Amino acid sequence: MASLQSFLAVKPAAGWATAAGARPATPPSRRAGVSACLAAPPPPPTTAASMGPARRELSAASQAVMDDEARYLVGTYNRSRVVFEYGRGCKLYDLDGREYLDMSAGIAVTSLGHADPDVCATIAEQSGKMVHVSNVFYTTPQVELAKRLVKVSFADRAFFASTGTEANEAAIKFSRKFQRVAHPDSDDPPMEFLAFSSSFHGRTMGAVALTSKSQYREPFAPVMPGVTFVDYGDLEAAKKFIQSGRVAAVFVEPVQGEGGIHSATQEFLQGLREACDEAGALLVFDEVQCGFGRTGYLWAHEAYGVEPDIMTLAKPLANGIPIGVVLVKEKVAAAINYGDHGTTFGGGPLACQTAITVFDKIMKPGFLAEVSKKGENFKQLLRTKLSGNPHVKEVRGVGLLVGIELDVPAGPLVDACLDAGVIVLTAGKGNVVRLVPPLIISEKELEHAADVIRDCLPALDVATT
């Protein structure tokens, strides 16, 4: 069977999510100049000129914010030297007045861009009515959003949380409770989980146990026991473990984001579906990053024709207002009783009403087709503009979830692009440039991003010398 994998020219491979390292004692310096990388062809990489213009001097106001951050916040983020003040559409503006094209969307969150008028109006209106009442009571926005999500998905019911990692924690609990109900006479029902190399499912203790990179797990060991990892795409190894009868659920991302922009094959996901059905295990799709329009499909798994039993969502649902969702089939929901799980903030009226606005805009006719078209054009543009550079190994992805794999760490290129006014991310082992712009981005803005990335590639030569 021809696979989506081959169509996308993506090779499933073990990659690793980039973690935020410990911050240096003093923030690193950064070269600057919004137009630096858009100049004429760069000089040979071994010359001093290829380093670009002199380091941008931050304003006193920006430096003061960074100094206060270093003094008052826990050092979990190695932040870039920029202080953002506001955004409009696909652009962000820093405290010093510089403009940036946002190709990160808050890590695939702001799908409708910054300060979307309809989203802003919804937030203003709903916040003037009611922000929070707790799940002890009914609220119309929560029920209305659940109805919308169920009607356009495989699912029968929804559970709301506040983040993607919380959604995955709920899926872990739901899976184990399902197995206890499914094996009422067993003192040892299936309680283990299968996950994959390059996976990322969150940072809480259950979700991090399903995340493959040891750097995320080992500092906090012992994490939740009972998780086995096999290579992403290795169906035979996965089937062998599923058939052991110990697996409560299999967690898999149809398209991996943090892990390096790797896409599954249809055969792989279909094989997991069949193996889970035979063994009585649940199949969980984590679409926290790849779902809700990012791939050009409403749900990433639609491209494969394979349905899960549980799906977790979060990032883009409310365009930056915190929300997470677990969508489940009725057989899973039937195993959950009052008090089995809960949340203080999940499914609040502000988040849900905002998500309804986002949902309605993404569901407008032609919106997803445009995402697919722009994504395909962007990949081809990158392949053309970056061809011939020895550091570029592959351009891959689906929709507006695109990765550029390099043969060296991507950090210097990311820094150079930021200096040139384009925000990009890393992924994989730190050697993949991750591009996840707002879904509303224009073809002209995508072409500008491709030009800047091309013109900033010499930064990789400087770093290696």
Protein backbone atom coordinates (compact mmCIF):
# COMPACT_ATOMS: atom_id res chain seq x y z
CA MET A 1 0.00 0.00 0.00
CA ALA A 2 1.31 3.41 -0.90
CA SER A 3 1.90 5.36 2.29
CA LEU A 4 1.48 8.97 3.25
CA GLN A 5 5.05 8.62 4.53
CA SER A 6 6.42 8.10 1.04
CA PHE A 7 4.15 10.80 -0.35
CA LEU A 8 5.61 13.28 2.12
CA ALA A 9 9.17 12.03 1.55
CA VAL A 10 9.55 11.51 5.30
CA LYS A 11 11.59 8.77 6.85
CA PRO A 12 10.49 7.49 10.27
CA ALA A 13 13.56 7.58 12.40
CA ALA A 14 14.55 7.95 15.99
CA GLY A 15 14.83 11.65 16.75
CA TRP A 16 14.78 13.46 20.02
CA ALA A 17 12.90 16.49 21.26
CA THR A 18 14.98 19.52 22.05
CA ALA A 19 14.96 20.36 25.71
CA ALA A 20 15.44 23.80 27.21
CA GLY A 21 18.86 23.61 28.76
CA ALA A 22 20.13 25.33 31.85
CA ARG A 23 20.62 29.04 31.35
CA PRO A 24 24.13 30.46 31.19
CA ALA A 25 25.32 32.69 33.99
CA THR A 26 24.83 35.67 31.68
CA PRO A 27 22.59 35.75 28.59
CA PRO A 28 24.50 35.02 25.38
CA SER A 29 25.12 37.87 23.00
CA ARG A 30 23.22 37.95 19.71
CA ARG A 31 24.05 39.49 16.39
CA ALA A 32 21.36 41.72 15.02
CA GLY A 33 20.07 43.88 12.21
CA VAL A 34 16.60 43.18 10.92
CA SER A 35 17.85 43.21 7.34
CA ALA A 36 21.21 41.58 7.97
CA CYS A 37 20.48 38.26 6.29
CA LEU A 38 18.54 39.79 3.43
CA ALA A 39 21.58 41.51 1.99
CA ALA A 40 23.48 40.51 -1.14
CA PRO A 41 25.09 37.04 -1.28
CA PRO A 42 27.19 36.55 1.85
CA PRO A 43 30.99 36.49 1.74
CA PRO A 44 32.86 33.22 2.24
CA PRO A 45 31.94 31.66 5.59
CA THR A 46 35.50 31.63 6.85
CA THR A 47 35.77 35.42 6.80
CA ALA A 48 34.84 37.73 9.65
CA ALA A 49 32.30 39.42 7.39
CA SER A 50 30.17 36.29 7.38
CA MET A 51 29.52 36.82 11.06
CA GLY A 52 27.12 39.60 10.09
CA PRO A 53 26.89 43.11 11.57
CA ALA A 54 27.89 44.04 15.08
CA ARG A 55 25.87 42.77 17.99
CA ARG A 56 22.57 44.58 18.47
CA GLU A 57 22.55 46.64 21.62
CA LEU A 58 19.36 46.16 23.60
CA SER A 59 17.56 49.11 25.04
CA ALA A 60 17.74 49.73 28.77
CA ALA A 61 14.09 48.70 29.02
CA SER A 62 14.70 45.32 27.37
CA GLN A 63 17.80 44.66 29.43
CA ALA A 64 15.93 45.50 32.61
CA VAL A 65 13.27 42.89 31.83
CA MET A 66 15.95 40.24 31.21
CA ASP A 67 17.77 41.15 34.39
CA ASP A 68 14.58 40.89 36.42
CA GLU A 69 13.75 37.54 34.80
CA ALA A 70 17.15 36.22 35.82
CA ARG A 71 16.55 37.46 39.35
CA TYR A 72 12.96 36.40 39.97
CA LEU A 73 12.07 33.39 37.79
CA VAL A 74 13.10 29.75 38.14
CA GLY A 75 15.71 29.04 35.47
CA THR A 76 13.83 26.53 33.35
CA TYR A 77 14.12 28.40 30.05
CA ASN A 78 17.19 29.42 28.06
CA ARG A 79 15.43 32.36 26.47
CA SER A 80 16.40 34.27 23.33
CA ARG A 81 17.49 37.85 23.88
CA VAL A 82 14.29 39.55 22.80
CA VAL A 83 11.37 40.97 24.79
CA PHE A 84 8.09 40.85 22.88
CA GLU A 85 5.48 43.51 23.54
CA TYR A 86 2.61 42.82 21.13
CA GLY A 87 1.60 41.03 17.95
CA ARG A 88 -0.63 41.54 14.93
CA GLY A 89 -1.45 38.72 12.54
CA CYS A 90 1.74 36.82 11.79
CA LYS A 91 4.03 39.56 13.15
CA LEU A 92 5.47 40.16 16.59
CA TYR A 93 7.02 43.40 17.84
CA ASP A 94 9.63 43.68 20.55
CA LEU A 95 10.04 46.26 23.26
CA ASP A 96 12.57 48.10 21.10
CA GLY A 97 10.17 48.44 18.16
CA ARG A 98 11.58 45.74 15.88
CA GLU A 99 9.27 43.61 13.74
CA TYR A 100 9.50 39.80 13.43
CA LEU A 101 7.71 37.28 11.22
CA ASP A 102 6.44 34.60 13.59
CA MET A 103 7.11 31.15 12.11
CA SER A 104 6.65 29.51 15.51
CA ALA A 105 3.09 30.54 16.48
CA GLY A 106 3.94 30.09 20.15
CA ILE A 107 4.97 26.49 19.36
CA ALA A 108 2.03 25.72 17.05
CA VAL A 109 -0.54 27.50 19.25
CA THR A 110 -1.69 30.79 17.67
CA SER A 111 -3.15 29.28 14.51
CA LEU A 112 -5.20 32.40 13.78
CA GLY A 113 -2.25 34.67 14.48
CA HIS A 114 -1.91 37.40 17.06
CA ALA A 115 -4.77 39.69 18.08
CA ASP A 116 -7.30 38.05 15.75
CA PRO A 117 -10.28 40.47 15.84
CA ASP A 118 -12.90 37.75 16.33
CA VAL A 119 -10.92 36.03 19.07
CA CYS A 120 -10.32 39.36 20.82
CA ALA A 121 -14.02 40.22 20.64
CA THR A 122 -14.98 36.83 22.07
CA ILE A 123 -12.52 37.14 24.95
CA ALA A 124 -13.76 40.64 25.76
CA GLU A 125 -17.42 39.65 25.62
CA GLN A 126 -17.08 36.41 27.58
CA SER A 127 -14.79 37.90 30.22
CA GLY A 128 -17.47 40.53 30.78
CA LYS A 129 -19.98 37.78 31.44
CA MET A 130 -18.21 34.98 33.30
CA VAL A 131 -14.65 33.66 33.38
CA HIS A 132 -14.89 30.79 35.86
CA VAL A 133 -17.46 28.89 37.90
CA SER A 134 -15.90 25.37 38.20
CA ASN A 135 -17.09 22.03 36.95
CA VAL A 136 -19.49 21.64 39.86
CA PHE A 137 -21.96 23.40 37.57
CA TYR A 138 -23.05 23.34 33.92
CA THR A 139 -21.95 26.05 31.49
CA THR A 140 -23.19 26.53 27.94
CA PRO A 141 -19.79 27.13 26.25
CA GLN A 142 -18.36 23.84 27.53
CA VAL A 143 -21.31 21.80 26.30
CA GLU A 144 -21.42 23.63 22.97
CA LEU A 145 -17.71 23.06 22.33
CA ALA A 146 -18.01 19.38 23.21
CA LYS A 147 -20.88 19.02 20.72
CA ARG A 148 -18.82 20.61 17.96
CA LEU A 149 -15.76 18.43 18.60
CA VAL A 150 -17.76 15.21 18.80
CA LYS A 151 -19.69 15.94 15.61
CA VAL A 152 -16.51 16.33 13.53
CA SER A 153 -14.48 13.48 15.03
CA PHE A 154 -14.47 9.75 15.75
CA ALA A 155 -15.39 10.45 19.38
CA ASP A 156 -18.58 10.17 21.39
CA ARG A 157 -17.59 12.27 24.38
CA ALA A 158 -15.08 14.90 25.52
CA PHE A 159 -13.20 15.72 28.71
CA PHE A 160 -11.68 19.18 29.09
CA ALA A 161 -8.36 20.02 30.72
CA SER A 162 -6.09 23.08 30.64
CA THR A 163 -3.00 21.81 28.77
CA GLY A 164 -1.75 19.06 26.50
CA THR A 165 0.17 17.30 29.24
CA GLU A 166 -2.96 17.29 31.42
CA ALA A 167 -4.90 15.81 28.52
CA ASN A 168 -2.33 13.02 28.27
CA GLU A 169 -2.44 12.45 32.03
CA ALA A 170 -6.20 12.01 31.74
CA ALA A 171 -5.74 9.60 28.84
CA ILE A 172 -3.36 7.53 30.97
CA LYS A 173 -5.89 7.32 33.78
CA PHE A 174 -8.81 6.61 31.44
CA SER A 175 -6.83 3.79 29.80
CA ARG A 176 -6.06 2.08 33.08
CA LYS A 177 -9.61 2.48 34.37
CA PHE A 178 -10.94 1.05 31.11
CA GLN A 179 -8.78 -2.03 31.50
CA ARG A 180 -9.89 -2.58 35.10
CA VAL A 181 -13.52 -2.44 34.01
CA ALA A 182 -12.80 -4.68 31.00
CA HIS A 183 -11.15 -7.30 33.27
CA PRO A 184 -13.37 -7.32 36.37
CA ASP A 185 -12.21 -10.74 37.54
CA SER A 186 -8.50 -10.11 37.10
CA ASP A 187 -6.15 -9.06 39.87
CA ASP A 188 -3.59 -8.10 37.24
CA PRO A 189 -5.28 -6.36 34.27
CA PRO A 190 -3.17 -4.76 31.52
CA MET A 191 -1.60 -1.65 33.02
CA GLU A 192 1.49 -0.98 30.86
CA PHE A 193 1.98 1.44 27.98
CA LEU A 194 3.77 1.43 24.66
CA ALA A 195 5.33 4.61 23.29
CA PHE A 196 7.91 5.38 20.62
CA SER A 197 11.31 6.88 19.97
CA SER A 198 11.22 10.61 19.24
CA SER A 199 7.96 10.89 21.18
CA PHE A 200 6.95 13.87 23.26
CA HIS A 201 3.80 13.74 25.40
CA GLY A 202 4.42 16.34 28.10
CA ARG A 203 6.35 17.14 31.26
CA THR A 204 4.17 15.95 34.14
CA MET A 205 5.16 12.68 35.76
CA GLY A 206 2.88 10.42 33.76
CA ALA A 207 3.28 12.20 30.42
CA VAL A 208 7.05 12.49 30.79
CA ALA A 209 7.21 8.73 31.37
CA LEU A 210 5.79 8.36 27.84
CA THR A 211 8.37 10.80 26.42
CA SER A 212 11.35 9.01 24.96
CA LYS A 213 14.25 11.38 25.56
CA SER A 214 16.08 10.40 28.72
CA GLN A 215 16.97 14.01 29.47
CA TYR A 216 13.31 14.70 30.18
CA ARG A 217 12.86 11.65 32.42
CA GLU A 218 16.05 10.72 34.26
CA PRO A 219 16.47 13.86 36.43
CA PHE A 220 13.04 13.10 37.91
CA ALA A 221 13.24 9.32 38.22
CA PRO A 222 11.50 7.23 39.23
CA VAL A 223 8.76 8.31 36.84
CA MET A 224 5.63 6.26 36.21
CA PRO A 225 6.75 2.65 35.65
CA GLY A 226 5.44 0.29 33.00
CA VAL A 227 6.35 2.15 29.79
CA THR A 228 8.18 0.45 26.92
CA PHE A 229 9.62 2.31 23.92
CA VAL A 230 10.16 0.92 20.44
CA ASP A 231 11.36 2.69 17.31
CA TYR A 232 8.80 4.92 15.65
CA GLY A 233 7.62 3.05 12.59
CA ASP A 234 8.78 -0.41 13.73
CA LEU A 235 5.46 -2.20 13.48
CA GLU A 236 6.78 -5.69 14.15
CA ALA A 237 8.41 -4.68 17.43
CA ALA A 238 5.28 -2.81 18.45
CA LYS A 239 3.00 -5.75 17.63
CA LYS A 240 5.19 -8.14 19.57
CA PHE A 241 4.87 -6.07 22.72
CA ILE A 242 1.15 -5.37 22.27
CA GLN A 243 0.51 -9.11 21.91
CA SER A 244 2.07 -9.71 25.33
CA GLY A 245 -1.30 -8.87 26.86
CA ARG A 246 0.21 -6.39 29.33
CA VAL A 247 -0.56 -3.19 27.36
CA ALA A 248 -3.34 -0.90 28.53
CA ALA A 249 -2.77 1.58 25.71
CA VAL A 250 -0.46 2.60 22.89
CA PHE A 251 0.41 6.32 22.71
CA VAL A 252 1.53 7.62 19.33
CA GLU A 253 1.73 10.93 17.46
CA PRO A 254 0.57 10.56 13.83
CA VAL A 255 3.06 13.33 13.02
CA GLN A 256 5.80 14.04 15.54
CA GLY A 257 6.62 17.68 16.17
CA GLU A 258 9.14 17.94 19.00
CA GLY A 259 10.77 14.73 17.82
CA GLY A 260 11.87 16.22 14.50
CA ILE A 261 8.82 16.39 12.17
CA HIS A 262 8.47 12.69 11.46
CA SER A 263 5.27 11.33 9.92
CA ALA A 264 3.93 7.82 10.39
CA THR A 265 3.03 5.54 7.52
CA GLN A 266 -0.51 4.35 6.96
CA GLU A 267 0.72 0.77 7.35
CA PHE A 268 2.21 1.59 10.75
CA LEU A 269 -0.92 3.21 12.18
CA GLN A 270 -3.22 0.63 10.63
CA GLY A 271 -1.05 -2.14 12.04
CA LEU A 272 -1.19 -0.59 15.50
CA ARG A 273 -4.98 -0.36 15.21
CA GLU A 274 -5.30 -4.02 14.31
CA ALA A 275 -2.86 -5.17 17.00
CA CYS A 276 -4.68 -3.15 19.66
CA ASP A 277 -8.03 -4.57 18.57
CA GLU A 278 -6.71 -8.12 18.77
CA ALA A 279 -5.14 -7.63 22.21
CA GLY A 280 -7.85 -5.45 23.74
CA ALA A 281 -5.48 -2.49 24.14
CA LEU A 282 -6.52 1.09 23.49
CA LEU A 283 -4.98 3.21 20.74
CA VAL A 284 -4.29 6.82 21.77
CA PHE A 285 -3.37 9.48 19.22
CA ASP A 286 -1.58 12.50 20.67
CA GLU A 287 -2.53 15.35 18.32
CA VAL A 288 -1.63 18.13 20.74
CA GLN A 289 0.71 19.67 18.13
CA CYS A 290 -0.31 18.09 14.84
CA GLY A 291 -4.10 18.26 15.26
CA PHE A 292 -6.82 20.83 14.62
CA GLY A 293 -5.84 21.97 11.15
CA ARG A 294 -2.04 22.05 11.40
CA THR A 295 -1.56 19.34 8.73
CA GLY A 296 -4.25 20.65 6.38
CA TYR A 297 -6.67 18.09 7.77
CA LEU A 298 -8.83 18.87 10.80
CA TRP A 299 -7.25 15.85 12.51
CA ALA A 300 -3.87 14.54 11.42
CA HIS A 301 -5.04 10.92 11.52
CA GLU A 302 -7.70 11.63 8.87
CA ALA A 303 -4.99 11.37 6.22
CA TYR A 304 -4.44 7.73 7.18
CA GLY A 305 -8.03 6.52 7.52
CA VAL A 306 -7.26 5.09 10.98
CA GLU A 307 -9.27 6.04 14.05
CA PRO A 308 -8.07 5.95 17.67
CA ASP A 309 -10.01 5.11 20.82
CA ILE A 310 -8.72 8.25 22.53
CA MET A 311 -7.26 11.47 21.12
CA THR A 312 -5.60 14.30 23.03
CA LEU A 313 -5.65 17.91 21.85
CA ALA A 314 -4.57 21.28 23.19
CA LYS A 315 -2.24 23.82 21.59
CA PRO A 316 -4.28 25.61 18.87
CA LEU A 317 -7.80 25.09 20.20
CA ALA A 318 -8.25 28.53 21.78
CA ASN A 319 -5.46 30.42 19.99
CA GLY A 320 -3.40 30.87 23.15
CA ILE A 321 -6.02 30.68 25.91
CA PRO A 322 -5.06 27.51 27.86
CA ILE A 323 -7.21 24.49 27.02
CA GLY A 324 -6.78 20.74 26.58
CA VAL A 325 -9.21 18.08 25.44
CA VAL A 326 -9.47 14.31 25.59
CA LEU A 327 -11.84 12.87 23.00
CA VAL A 328 -12.97 9.30 23.66
CA LYS A 329 -15.18 6.59 22.25
CA GLU A 330 -18.20 5.53 24.26
CA LYS A 331 -16.58 2.31 25.46
CA VAL A 332 -13.90 4.37 27.22
CA ALA A 333 -16.34 6.93 28.61
CA ALA A 334 -18.51 4.13 29.99
CA ALA A 335 -15.68 3.03 32.27
CA ILE A 336 -15.35 6.45 33.91
CA ASN A 337 -17.48 7.29 36.94
CA TYR A 338 -18.13 10.44 38.95
CA GLY A 339 -15.01 11.38 40.86
CA ASP A 340 -12.59 9.28 38.79
CA HIS A 341 -10.95 12.40 37.42
CA GLY A 342 -11.38 16.15 37.59
CA THR A 343 -9.90 19.60 37.02
CA THR A 344 -10.38 23.05 38.49
CA PHE A 345 -9.77 25.12 35.37
CA GLY A 346 -10.41 22.69 32.51
CA GLY A 347 -13.37 23.56 30.30
CA GLY A 348 -13.95 27.00 31.77
CA PRO A 349 -16.35 29.31 29.92
CA LEU A 350 -13.68 31.74 28.72
CA ALA A 351 -11.49 29.05 27.17
CA CYS A 352 -14.40 27.14 25.67
CA GLN A 353 -16.13 30.17 24.18
CA THR A 354 -12.83 31.27 22.66
CA ALA A 355 -12.29 27.78 21.27
CA ILE A 356 -15.73 27.88 19.67
CA THR A 357 -14.71 31.03 17.80
CA VAL A 358 -11.45 29.40 16.67
CA PHE A 359 -13.30 26.23 15.68
CA ASP A 360 -15.84 28.10 13.57
CA LYS A 361 -13.13 30.00 11.70
CA ILE A 362 -11.01 26.91 10.98
CA MET A 363 -14.13 25.06 9.79
CA LYS A 364 -15.00 27.71 7.20
CA PRO A 365 -15.07 26.28 3.65
CA GLY A 366 -11.67 26.30 2.02
CA PHE A 367 -9.64 27.11 5.14
CA LEU A 368 -8.03 23.68 5.53
CA ALA A 369 -7.50 23.32 1.78
CA GLU A 370 -5.55 26.58 1.88
CA VAL A 371 -3.39 25.28 4.73
CA SER A 372 -2.59 22.18 2.71
CA LYS A 373 -1.82 24.19 -0.41
CA LYS A 374 0.37 26.71 1.40
CA GLY A 375 2.24 23.94 3.18
CA GLU A 376 3.00 22.04 0.00
CA ASN A 377 4.10 25.20 -1.80
CA PHE A 378 6.28 26.17 1.15
CA LYS A 379 8.07 22.82 1.20
CA GLN A 380 8.77 23.03 -2.51
CA LEU A 381 9.98 26.61 -2.10
CA LEU A 382 12.36 25.59 0.65
CA ARG A 383 13.68 22.64 -1.34
CA THR A 384 14.39 24.94 -4.27
CA LYS A 385 15.95 27.77 -2.31
CA LEU A 386 18.01 25.56 0.01
CA SER A 387 19.13 23.06 -2.61
CA GLY A 388 22.85 22.67 -2.93
CA ASN A 389 23.65 23.68 0.64
CA PRO A 390 25.70 20.83 2.12
CA HIS A 391 24.16 21.22 5.57
CA VAL A 392 20.56 20.68 4.40
CA LYS A 393 19.71 16.98 4.45
CA GLU A 394 15.93 17.03 3.99
CA VAL A 395 12.83 19.23 3.96
CA ARG A 396 9.81 17.31 5.21
CA GLY A 397 6.43 17.65 6.82
CA VAL A 398 2.75 17.98 6.07
CA GLY A 399 0.59 21.08 5.92
CA LEU A 400 2.17 23.88 7.93
CA LEU A 401 4.17 21.52 10.12
CA VAL A 402 7.50 21.61 8.31
CA GLY A 403 11.03 20.61 9.28
CA ILE A 404 14.45 21.23 7.76
CA GLU A 405 16.92 18.56 8.86
CA LEU A 406 20.55 19.66 9.03
CA ASP A 407 23.80 17.78 9.47
CA VAL A 408 24.84 20.19 12.24
CA PRO A 409 23.06 21.79 15.23
CA ALA A 410 20.43 24.26 14.09
CA GLY A 411 21.00 26.80 16.87
CA PRO A 412 23.23 29.21 14.92
CA LEU A 413 20.74 29.31 12.07
CA VAL A 414 17.84 29.90 14.45
CA ASP A 415 19.75 32.77 16.06
CA ALA A 416 20.65 34.30 12.70
CA CYS A 417 17.04 34.14 11.53
CA LEU A 418 15.89 35.85 14.70
CA ASP A 419 18.45 38.59 14.13
CA ALA A 420 17.01 38.97 10.63
CA GLY A 421 13.46 39.24 11.94
CA VAL A 422 12.15 35.70 11.45
CA ILE A 423 11.30 33.44 14.42
CA VAL A 424 11.90 29.71 13.94
CA LEU A 425 12.29 26.78 16.36
CA THR A 426 14.45 23.70 16.73
CA ALA A 427 13.32 20.09 17.04
CA GLY A 428 14.70 16.56 16.91
CA LYS A 429 18.22 16.30 18.31
CA GLY A 430 18.58 20.05 17.91
CA ASN A 431 19.45 19.60 14.24
CA VAL A 432 15.99 20.27 12.80
CA VAL A 433 14.53 23.71 12.09
CA ARG A 434 10.84 23.52 12.95
CA LEU A 435 8.43 25.80 11.06
CA VAL A 436 4.90 26.01 12.47
CA PRO A 437 3.54 29.46 11.52
CA PRO A 438 0.00 30.69 12.07
CA LEU A 439 -2.32 28.92 9.66
CA ILE A 440 -3.41 32.30 8.28
CA ILE A 441 0.07 33.11 6.99
CA SER A 442 0.24 34.41 3.42
CA GLU A 443 2.24 32.97 0.53
CA LYS A 444 4.23 36.21 0.44
CA GLU A 445 5.18 35.84 4.11
CA LEU A 446 6.19 32.23 3.56
CA GLU A 447 8.40 33.25 0.66
CA HIS A 448 10.03 35.90 2.85
CA ALA A 449 10.70 33.28 5.53
CA ALA A 450 12.28 30.96 2.95
CA ASP A 451 14.50 33.77 1.67
CA VAL A 452 15.69 34.64 5.17
CA ILE A 453 16.44 31.02 6.03
CA ARG A 454 18.41 30.64 2.79
CA ASP A 455 20.38 33.82 3.36
CA CYS A 456 21.16 32.91 6.96
CA LEU A 457 22.58 29.45 6.18
CA PRO A 458 26.20 30.76 6.27
CA ALA A 459 25.77 31.04 10.03
CA LEU A 460 26.11 27.24 10.11
CA ASP A 461 29.52 27.44 8.42
CA VAL A 462 30.70 30.02 10.94
CA ALA A 463 29.61 27.79 13.80
CA THR A 464 31.45 24.78 12.44
CA THR A 465 34.68 26.72 11.94
